[in-house]
Amino acid sequence: MAEYFVYCNYKQKKAVIHEASCPECKPHAGTPTDYWSGPYNTIDRARNYSFGALKQDISGCPKCTPIGKIKNPLSMDSFIGKEYDK
């Protein structure tokens, strides 16, 4: 069974799902504006993590996980309460 990692970029609000065996998958190489999450034992779990991390641009790596682009169903402000709007 394959394992998956999610590359997340804070600044661009994007996530890319990679299979652990992909040469582009570098889960121990992060910077101040990006990070890797995982491993996840299914693509669905990796995708759901991306939703919860509020990434807008979610896709699979075209080399290892060709699932295309996915629209996040969660609102990007879904965790901001009205008390913060004052």
PDB file of N, CA and C in Angstrom:
ATOM      1  N   MET A   1       0.841  -1.183   0.000  1.00  0.00           N
ATOM      2  CA  MET A   1       0.000   0.000   0.000  1.00  0.00           C
ATOM      3  C   MET A   1       0.889   1.251   0.000  1.00  0.00           C
ATOM      4  N   ALA A   2       0.556   2.179  -0.828  1.00  0.00           N
ATOM      5  CA  ALA A   2       1.339   3.414  -0.962  1.00  0.00           C
ATOM      6  C   ALA A   2       1.073   4.366   0.204  1.00  0.00           C
ATOM      7  N   GLU A   3       2.074   5.176   0.507  1.00  0.00           N
ATOM      8  CA  GLU A   3       1.922   6.259   1.474  1.00  0.00           C
ATOM      9  C   GLU A   3       1.991   7.571   0.716  1.00  0.00           C
ATOM     10  N   TYR A   4       1.331   8.585   1.259  1.00  0.00           N
ATOM     11  CA  TYR A   4       1.264   9.890   0.605  1.00  0.00           C
ATOM     12  C   TYR A   4       1.689  10.982   1.571  1.00  0.00           C
ATOM     13  N   PHE A   5       2.323  11.998   1.019  1.00  0.00           N
ATOM     14  CA  PHE A   5       2.702  13.193   1.762  1.00  0.00           C
ATOM     15  C   PHE A   5       2.068  14.397   1.082  1.00  0.00           C
ATOM     16  N   VAL A   6       1.840  15.446   1.858  1.00  0.00           N
ATOM     17  CA  VAL A   6       1.256  16.672   1.319  1.00  0.00           C
ATOM     18  C   VAL A   6       2.275  17.798   1.475  1.00  0.00           C
ATOM     19  N   TYR A   7       2.625  18.408   0.347  1.00  0.00           N
ATOM     20  CA  TYR A   7       3.470  19.607   0.355  1.00  0.00           C
ATOM     21  C   TYR A   7       2.532  20.801   0.492  1.00  0.00           C
ATOM     22  N   CYS A   8       2.749  21.644   1.495  1.00  0.00           N
ATOM     23  CA  CYS A   8       1.898  22.814   1.729  1.00  0.00           C
ATOM     24  C   CYS A   8       2.738  24.085   1.670  1.00  0.00           C
ATOM     25  N   ASN A   9       2.221  25.080   0.986  1.00  0.00           N
ATOM     26  CA  ASN A   9       2.888  26.370   0.891  1.00  0.00           C
ATOM     27  C   ASN A   9       1.965  27.416   1.501  1.00  0.00           C
ATOM     28  N   TYR A  10       2.432  28.075   2.572  1.00  0.00           N
ATOM     29  CA  TYR A  10       1.620  29.083   3.258  1.00  0.00           C
ATOM     30  C   TYR A  10       1.299  30.270   2.354  1.00  0.00           C
ATOM     31  N   LYS A  11       2.317  30.828   1.742  1.00  0.00           N
ATOM     32  CA  LYS A  11       2.158  32.060   0.973  1.00  0.00           C
ATOM     33  C   LYS A  11       1.210  31.884  -0.211  1.00  0.00           C
ATOM     34  N   GLN A  12       1.352  30.782  -0.941  1.00  0.00           N
ATOM     35  CA  GLN A  12       0.517  30.542  -2.121  1.00  0.00           C
ATOM     36  C   GLN A  12      -0.781  29.813  -1.792  1.00  0.00           C
ATOM     37  N   LYS A  13      -0.955  29.403  -0.535  1.00  0.00           N
ATOM     38  CA  LYS A  13      -2.147  28.671  -0.091  1.00  0.00           C
ATOM     39  C   LYS A  13      -2.411  27.453  -0.973  1.00  0.00           C
ATOM     40  N   LYS A  14      -1.341  26.681  -1.225  1.00  0.00           N
ATOM     41  CA  LYS A  14      -1.507  25.520  -2.084  1.00  0.00           C
ATOM     42  C   LYS A  14      -1.014  24.262  -1.395  1.00  0.00           C
ATOM     43  N   ALA A  15      -1.520  23.137  -1.876  1.00  0.00           N
ATOM     44  CA  ALA A  15      -1.098  21.830  -1.391  1.00  0.00           C
ATOM     45  C   ALA A  15      -0.958  20.902  -2.589  1.00  0.00           C
ATOM     46  N   VAL A  16       0.097  20.100  -2.586  1.00  0.00           N
ATOM     47  CA  VAL A  16       0.319  19.112  -3.640  1.00  0.00           C
ATOM     48  C   VAL A  16       0.524  17.759  -2.967  1.00  0.00           C
ATOM     49  N   ILE A  17      -0.265  16.777  -3.384  1.00  0.00           N
ATOM     50  CA  ILE A  17      -0.200  15.436  -2.808  1.00  0.00           C
ATOM     51  C   ILE A  17       0.793  14.602  -3.617  1.00  0.00           C
ATOM     52  N   HIS A  18       1.745  13.975  -2.910  1.00  0.00           N
ATOM     53  CA  HIS A  18       2.776  13.147  -3.540  1.00  0.00           C
ATOM     54  C   HIS A  18       2.749  11.741  -2.958  1.00  0.00           C
ATOM     55  N   GLU A  19       3.035  10.754  -3.796  1.00  0.00           N
ATOM     56  CA  GLU A  19       3.288   9.407  -3.308  1.00  0.00           C
ATOM     57  C   GLU A  19       4.694   9.408  -2.705  1.00  0.00           C
ATOM     58  N   ALA A  20       4.886   8.664  -1.627  1.00  0.00           N
ATOM     59  CA  ALA A  20       6.173   8.678  -0.921  1.00  0.00           C
ATOM     60  C   ALA A  20       7.341   8.289  -1.820  1.00  0.00           C
ATOM     61  N   SER A  21       7.103   7.462  -2.829  1.00  0.00           N
ATOM     62  CA  SER A  21       8.185   7.012  -3.712  1.00  0.00           C
ATOM     63  C   SER A  21       8.532   8.019  -4.809  1.00  0.00           C
ATOM     64  N   CYS A  22       7.805   9.114  -4.913  1.00  0.00           N
ATOM     65  CA  CYS A  22       8.035  10.122  -5.955  1.00  0.00           C
ATOM     66  C   CYS A  22       9.365  10.842  -5.710  1.00  0.00           C
ATOM     67  N   PRO A  23      10.167  11.060  -6.765  1.00  0.00           N
ATOM     68  CA  PRO A  23      11.423  11.790  -6.574  1.00  0.00           C
ATOM     69  C   PRO A  23      11.214  13.248  -6.147  1.00  0.00           C
ATOM     70  N   GLU A  24      10.019  13.797  -6.381  1.00  0.00           N
ATOM     71  CA  GLU A  24       9.714  15.171  -5.966  1.00  0.00           C
ATOM     72  C   GLU A  24       9.280  15.248  -4.502  1.00  0.00           C
ATOM     73  N   CYS A  25       9.001  14.099  -3.901  1.00  0.00           N
ATOM     74  CA  CYS A  25       8.543  14.050  -2.508  1.00  0.00           C
ATOM     75  C   CYS A  25       9.756  14.145  -1.593  1.00  0.00           C
ATOM     76  N   LYS A  26       9.850  15.262  -0.863  1.00  0.00           N
ATOM     77  CA  LYS A  26      10.987  15.501   0.037  1.00  0.00           C
ATOM     78  C   LYS A  26      10.458  15.942   1.399  1.00  0.00           C
ATOM     79  N   PRO A  27       9.863  15.006   2.141  1.00  0.00           N
ATOM     80  CA  PRO A  27       9.173  15.382   3.375  1.00  0.00           C
ATOM     81  C   PRO A  27      10.047  15.973   4.471  1.00  0.00           C
ATOM     82  N   HIS A  28      11.347  15.884   4.352  1.00  0.00           N
ATOM     83  CA  HIS A  28      12.210  16.460   5.391  1.00  0.00           C
ATOM     84  C   HIS A  28      12.843  17.768   4.950  1.00  0.00           C
ATOM     85  N   ALA A  29      12.382  18.307   3.819  1.00  0.00           N
ATOM     86  CA  ALA A  29      12.939  19.560   3.293  1.00  0.00           C
ATOM     87  C   ALA A  29      11.851  20.627   3.292  1.00  0.00           C
ATOM     88  N   GLY A  30      11.820  21.444   4.304  1.00  0.00           N
ATOM     89  CA  GLY A  30      10.857  22.542   4.375  1.00  0.00           C
ATOM     90  C   GLY A  30      11.592  23.867   4.485  1.00  0.00           C
ATOM     91  N   THR A  31      10.855  24.941   4.319  1.00  0.00           N
ATOM     92  CA  THR A  31      11.412  26.282   4.467  1.00  0.00           C
ATOM     93  C   THR A  31      10.463  27.066   5.366  1.00  0.00           C
ATOM     94  N   PRO A  32      10.765  28.330   5.675  1.00  0.00           N
ATOM     95  CA  PRO A  32       9.848  29.113   6.504  1.00  0.00           C
ATOM     96  C   PRO A  32       8.461  29.314   5.881  1.00  0.00           C
ATOM     97  N   THR A  33       8.320  29.164   4.566  1.00  0.00           N
ATOM     98  CA  THR A  33       7.011  29.386   3.938  1.00  0.00           C
ATOM     99  C   THR A  33       6.360  28.107   3.440  1.00  0.00           C
ATOM    100  N   ASP A  34       6.972  26.950   3.688  1.00  0.00           N
ATOM    101  CA  ASP A  34       6.334  25.705   3.271  1.00  0.00           C
ATOM    102  C   ASP A  34       6.680  24.578   4.233  1.00  0.00           C
ATOM    103  N   TYR A  35       5.933  23.503   4.146  1.00  0.00           N
ATOM    104  CA  TYR A  35       6.174  22.346   5.000  1.00  0.00           C
ATOM    105  C   TYR A  35       5.565  21.109   4.360  1.00  0.00           C
ATOM    106  N   TRP A  36       5.939  19.948   4.871  1.00  0.00           N
ATOM    107  CA  TRP A  36       5.401  18.670   4.420  1.00  0.00           C
ATOM    108  C   TRP A  36       4.602  18.062   5.559  1.00  0.00           C
ATOM    109  N   SER A  37       3.511  17.401   5.228  1.00  0.00           N
ATOM    110  CA  SER A  37       2.696  16.721   6.219  1.00  0.00           C
ATOM    111  C   SER A  37       2.516  15.271   5.782  1.00  0.00           C
ATOM    112  N   GLY A  38       2.458  14.389   6.734  1.00  0.00           N
ATOM    113  CA  GLY A  38       2.242  12.986   6.410  1.00  0.00           C
ATOM    114  C   GLY A  38       3.202  12.109   7.192  1.00  0.00           C
ATOM    115  N   PRO A  39       3.179  10.838   6.929  1.00  0.00           N
ATOM    116  CA  PRO A  39       2.530  10.140   5.824  1.00  0.00           C
ATOM    117  C   PRO A  39       1.055   9.845   6.094  1.00  0.00           C
ATOM    118  N   TYR A  40       0.321   9.702   5.006  1.00  0.00           N
ATOM    119  CA  TYR A  40      -1.088   9.308   5.016  1.00  0.00           C
ATOM    120  C   TYR A  40      -1.199   8.015   4.228  1.00  0.00           C
ATOM    121  N   ASN A  41      -2.048   7.095   4.684  1.00  0.00           N
ATOM    122  CA  ASN A  41      -2.115   5.801   4.011  1.00  0.00           C
ATOM    123  C   ASN A  41      -3.070   5.766   2.819  1.00  0.00           C
ATOM    124  N   THR A  42      -3.814   6.853   2.577  1.00  0.00           N
ATOM    125  CA  THR A  42      -4.667   6.929   1.386  1.00  0.00           C
ATOM    126  C   THR A  42      -4.629   8.350   0.823  1.00  0.00           C
ATOM    127  N   ILE A  43      -4.960   8.450  -0.458  1.00  0.00           N
ATOM    128  CA  ILE A  43      -5.062   9.774  -1.079  1.00  0.00           C
ATOM    129  C   ILE A  43      -6.166  10.575  -0.405  1.00  0.00           C
ATOM    130  N   ASP A  44      -7.264   9.914  -0.051  1.00  0.00           N
ATOM    131  CA  ASP A  44      -8.377  10.619   0.591  1.00  0.00           C
ATOM    132  C   ASP A  44      -7.951  11.271   1.903  1.00  0.00           C
ATOM    133  N   ARG A  45      -7.157  10.587   2.690  1.00  0.00           N
ATOM    134  CA  ARG A  45      -6.694  11.182   3.959  1.00  0.00           C
ATOM    135  C   ARG A  45      -5.771  12.368   3.707  1.00  0.00           C
ATOM    136  N   ALA A  46      -4.916  12.245   2.701  1.00  0.00           N
ATOM    137  CA  ALA A  46      -4.036  13.365   2.351  1.00  0.00           C
ATOM    138  C   ALA A  46      -4.860  14.552   1.856  1.00  0.00           C
ATOM    139  N   ARG A  47      -5.858  14.273   1.044  1.00  0.00           N
ATOM    140  CA  ARG A  47      -6.736  15.335   0.534  1.00  0.00           C
ATOM    141  C   ARG A  47      -7.497  15.996   1.681  1.00  0.00           C
ATOM    142  N   ASN A  48      -8.030  15.203   2.589  1.00  0.00           N
ATOM    143  CA  ASN A  48      -8.778  15.761   3.716  1.00  0.00           C
ATOM    144  C   ASN A  48      -7.892  16.618   4.612  1.00  0.00           C
ATOM    145  N   TYR A  49      -6.623  16.234   4.772  1.00  0.00           N
ATOM    146  CA  TYR A  49      -5.699  17.092   5.512  1.00  0.00           C
ATOM    147  C   TYR A  49      -5.583  18.447   4.815  1.00  0.00           C
ATOM    148  N   SER A  50      -5.458  18.425   3.493  1.00  0.00           N
ATOM    149  CA  SER A  50      -5.332  19.667   2.718  1.00  0.00           C
ATOM    150  C   SER A  50      -6.550  20.557   2.913  1.00  0.00           C
ATOM    151  N   PHE A  51      -7.733  19.948   2.947  1.00  0.00           N
ATOM    152  CA  PHE A  51      -8.952  20.724   3.193  1.00  0.00           C
ATOM    153  C   PHE A  51      -8.868  21.388   4.563  1.00  0.00           C
ATOM    154  N   GLY A  52      -8.520  20.616   5.581  1.00  0.00           N
ATOM    155  CA  GLY A  52      -8.454  21.133   6.943  1.00  0.00           C
ATOM    156  C   GLY A  52      -7.379  22.185   7.134  1.00  0.00           C
ATOM    157  N   ALA A  53      -6.319  22.109   6.342  1.00  0.00           N
ATOM    158  CA  ALA A  53      -5.249  23.107   6.420  1.00  0.00           C
ATOM    159  C   ALA A  53      -5.623  24.371   5.651  1.00  0.00           C
ATOM    160  N   LEU A  54      -6.838  24.395   5.109  1.00  0.00           N
ATOM    161  CA  LEU A  54      -7.394  25.543   4.387  1.00  0.00           C
ATOM    162  C   LEU A  54      -6.546  25.973   3.193  1.00  0.00           C
ATOM    163  N   LYS A  55      -6.095  25.000   2.443  1.00  0.00           N
ATOM    164  CA  LYS A  55      -5.377  25.312   1.213  1.00  0.00           C
ATOM    165  C   LYS A  55      -6.391  25.468   0.086  1.00  0.00           C
ATOM    166  N   GLN A  56      -6.245  26.512  -0.719  1.00  0.00           N
ATOM    167  CA  GLN A  56      -7.184  26.779  -1.810  1.00  0.00           C
ATOM    168  C   GLN A  56      -6.854  25.966  -3.051  1.00  0.00           C
ATOM    169  N   ASP A  57      -5.588  25.898  -3.411  1.00  0.00           N
ATOM    170  CA  ASP A  57      -5.135  25.242  -4.629  1.00  0.00           C
ATOM    171  C   ASP A  57      -4.593  23.867  -4.254  1.00  0.00           C
ATOM    172  N   ILE A  58      -5.396  22.829  -4.435  1.00  0.00           N
ATOM    173  CA  ILE A  58      -5.019  21.471  -4.058  1.00  0.00           C
ATOM    174  C   ILE A  58      -4.927  20.635  -5.325  1.00  0.00           C
ATOM    175  N   SER A  59      -3.825  19.897  -5.455  1.00  0.00           N
ATOM    176  CA  SER A  59      -3.674  19.045  -6.636  1.00  0.00           C
ATOM    177  C   SER A  59      -2.798  17.852  -6.296  1.00  0.00           C
ATOM    178  N   GLY A  60      -2.804  16.885  -7.201  1.00  0.00           N
ATOM    179  CA  GLY A  60      -1.895  15.758  -7.093  1.00  0.00           C
ATOM    180  C   GLY A  60      -0.673  16.040  -7.940  1.00  0.00           C
ATOM    181  N   CYS A  61       0.441  15.477  -7.563  1.00  0.00           N
ATOM    182  CA  CYS A  61       1.658  15.605  -8.361  1.00  0.00           C
ATOM    183  C   CYS A  61       1.416  14.919  -9.707  1.00  0.00           C
ATOM    184  N   PRO A  62       1.674  15.589 -10.826  1.00  0.00           N
ATOM    185  CA  PRO A  62       1.434  14.963 -12.127  1.00  0.00           C
ATOM    186  C   PRO A  62       2.338  13.758 -12.388  1.00  0.00           C
ATOM    187  N   LYS A  63       3.456  13.645 -11.659  1.00  0.00           N
ATOM    188  CA  LYS A  63       4.371  12.517 -11.862  1.00  0.00           C
ATOM    189  C   LYS A  63       3.926  11.256 -11.133  1.00  0.00           C
ATOM    190  N   CYS A  64       3.274  11.421  -9.976  1.00  0.00           N
ATOM    191  CA  CYS A  64       2.991  10.235  -9.156  1.00  0.00           C
ATOM    192  C   CYS A  64       1.536  10.099  -8.709  1.00  0.00           C
ATOM    193  N   THR A  65       0.799  11.176  -8.666  1.00  0.00           N
ATOM    194  CA  THR A  65      -0.573  11.155  -8.155  1.00  0.00           C
ATOM    195  C   THR A  65      -1.457  11.998  -9.065  1.00  0.00           C
ATOM    196  N   PRO A  66      -1.741  11.531 -10.275  1.00  0.00           N
ATOM    197  CA  PRO A  66      -2.474  12.339 -11.254  1.00  0.00           C
ATOM    198  C   PRO A  66      -3.977  12.428 -10.964  1.00  0.00           C
ATOM    199  N   ILE A  67      -4.331  13.148  -9.903  1.00  0.00           N
ATOM    200  CA  ILE A  67      -5.746  13.299  -9.550  1.00  0.00           C
ATOM    201  C   ILE A  67      -6.309  14.641 -10.001  1.00  0.00           C
ATOM    202  N   GLY A  68      -5.478  15.463 -10.612  1.00  0.00           N
ATOM    203  CA  GLY A  68      -5.938  16.767 -11.080  1.00  0.00           C
ATOM    204  C   GLY A  68      -6.065  17.765  -9.952  1.00  0.00           C
ATOM    205  N   LYS A  69      -6.758  18.869 -10.245  1.00  0.00           N
ATOM    206  CA  LYS A  69      -6.974  19.923  -9.248  1.00  0.00           C
ATOM    207  C   LYS A  69      -8.273  19.647  -8.506  1.00  0.00           C
ATOM    208  N   ILE A  70      -8.264  19.994  -7.232  1.00  0.00           N
ATOM    209  CA  ILE A  70      -9.420  19.776  -6.368  1.00  0.00           C
ATOM    210  C   ILE A  70      -9.789  21.111  -5.741  1.00  0.00           C
ATOM    211  N   LYS A  71     -11.060  21.441  -5.748  1.00  0.00           N
ATOM    212  CA  LYS A  71     -11.527  22.673  -5.103  1.00  0.00           C
ATOM    213  C   LYS A  71     -11.828  22.376  -3.643  1.00  0.00           C
ATOM    214  N   ASN A  72     -11.290  23.188  -2.769  1.00  0.00           N
ATOM    215  CA  ASN A  72     -11.543  23.030  -1.342  1.00  0.00           C
ATOM    216  C   ASN A  72     -12.973  23.470  -1.047  1.00  0.00           C
ATOM    217  N   PRO A  73     -13.803  22.575  -0.486  1.00  0.00           N
ATOM    218  CA  PRO A  73     -15.189  22.938  -0.197  1.00  0.00           C
ATOM    219  C   PRO A  73     -15.342  23.844   1.026  1.00  0.00           C
ATOM    220  N   LEU A  74     -14.281  23.970   1.824  1.00  0.00           N
ATOM    221  CA  LEU A  74     -14.353  24.803   3.021  1.00  0.00           C
ATOM    222  C   LEU A  74     -14.059  26.254   2.682  1.00  0.00           C
ATOM    223  N   SER A  75     -14.774  27.135   3.326  1.00  0.00           N
ATOM    224  CA  SER A  75     -14.527  28.562   3.165  1.00  0.00           C
ATOM    225  C   SER A  75     -13.184  28.899   3.795  1.00  0.00           C
ATOM    226  N   MET A  76     -12.420  29.750   3.145  1.00  0.00           N
ATOM    227  CA  MET A  76     -11.114  30.108   3.679  1.00  0.00           C
ATOM    228  C   MET A  76     -11.219  30.902   4.973  1.00  0.00           C
ATOM    229  N   ASP A  77     -12.385  31.455   5.259  1.00  0.00           N
ATOM    230  CA  ASP A  77     -12.572  32.168   6.523  1.00  0.00           C
ATOM    231  C   ASP A  77     -13.450  31.369   7.481  1.00  0.00           C
ATOM    232  N   SER A  78     -13.573  30.063   7.248  1.00  0.00           N
ATOM    233  CA  SER A  78     -14.483  29.250   8.048  1.00  0.00           C
ATOM    234  C   SER A  78     -14.072  29.143   9.512  1.00  0.00           C
ATOM    235  N   PHE A  79     -12.812  29.416   9.836  1.00  0.00           N
ATOM    236  CA  PHE A  79     -12.373  29.327  11.214  1.00  0.00           C
ATOM    237  C   PHE A  79     -12.276  30.686  11.891  1.00  0.00           C
ATOM    238  N   ILE A  80     -12.677  31.728  11.211  1.00  0.00           N
ATOM    239  CA  ILE A  80     -12.642  33.066  11.793  1.00  0.00           C
ATOM    240  C   ILE A  80     -14.041  33.394  12.300  1.00  0.00           C
ATOM    241  N   GLY A  81     -14.146  33.611  13.585  1.00  0.00           N
ATOM    242  CA  GLY A  81     -15.433  33.932  14.176  1.00  0.00           C
ATOM    243  C   GLY A  81     -15.744  35.413  14.068  1.00  0.00           C
ATOM    244  N   LYS A  82     -16.990  35.763  14.306  1.00  0.00           N
ATOM    245  CA  LYS A  82     -17.413  37.156  14.200  1.00  0.00           C
ATOM    246  C   LYS A  82     -16.699  38.048  15.205  1.00  0.00           C
ATOM    247  N   GLU A  83     -16.251  37.467  16.322  1.00  0.00           N
ATOM    248  CA  GLU A  83     -15.562  38.288  17.314  1.00  0.00           C
ATOM    249  C   GLU A  83     -14.243  38.832  16.779  1.00  0.00           C
ATOM    250  N   TYR A  84     -13.699  38.229  15.733  1.00  0.00           N
ATOM    251  CA  TYR A  84     -12.457  38.710  15.139  1.00  0.00           C
ATOM    252  C   TYR A  84     -12.692  39.792  14.097  1.00  0.00           C
ATOM    253  N   ASP A  85     -13.938  39.994  13.710  1.00  0.00           N
ATOM    254  CA  ASP A  85     -14.264  40.985  12.688  1.00  0.00           C
ATOM    255  C   ASP A  85     -14.409  42.388  13.259  1.00  0.00           C
ATOM    256  N   LYS A  86     -14.272  42.558  14.566  1.00  0.00           N
ATOM    257  CA  LYS A  86     -14.465  43.867  15.195  1.00  0.00           C
ATOM    258  C   LYS A  86     -13.286  44.767  15.003  1.00  0.00           C
TER     259      LYS A  86
END
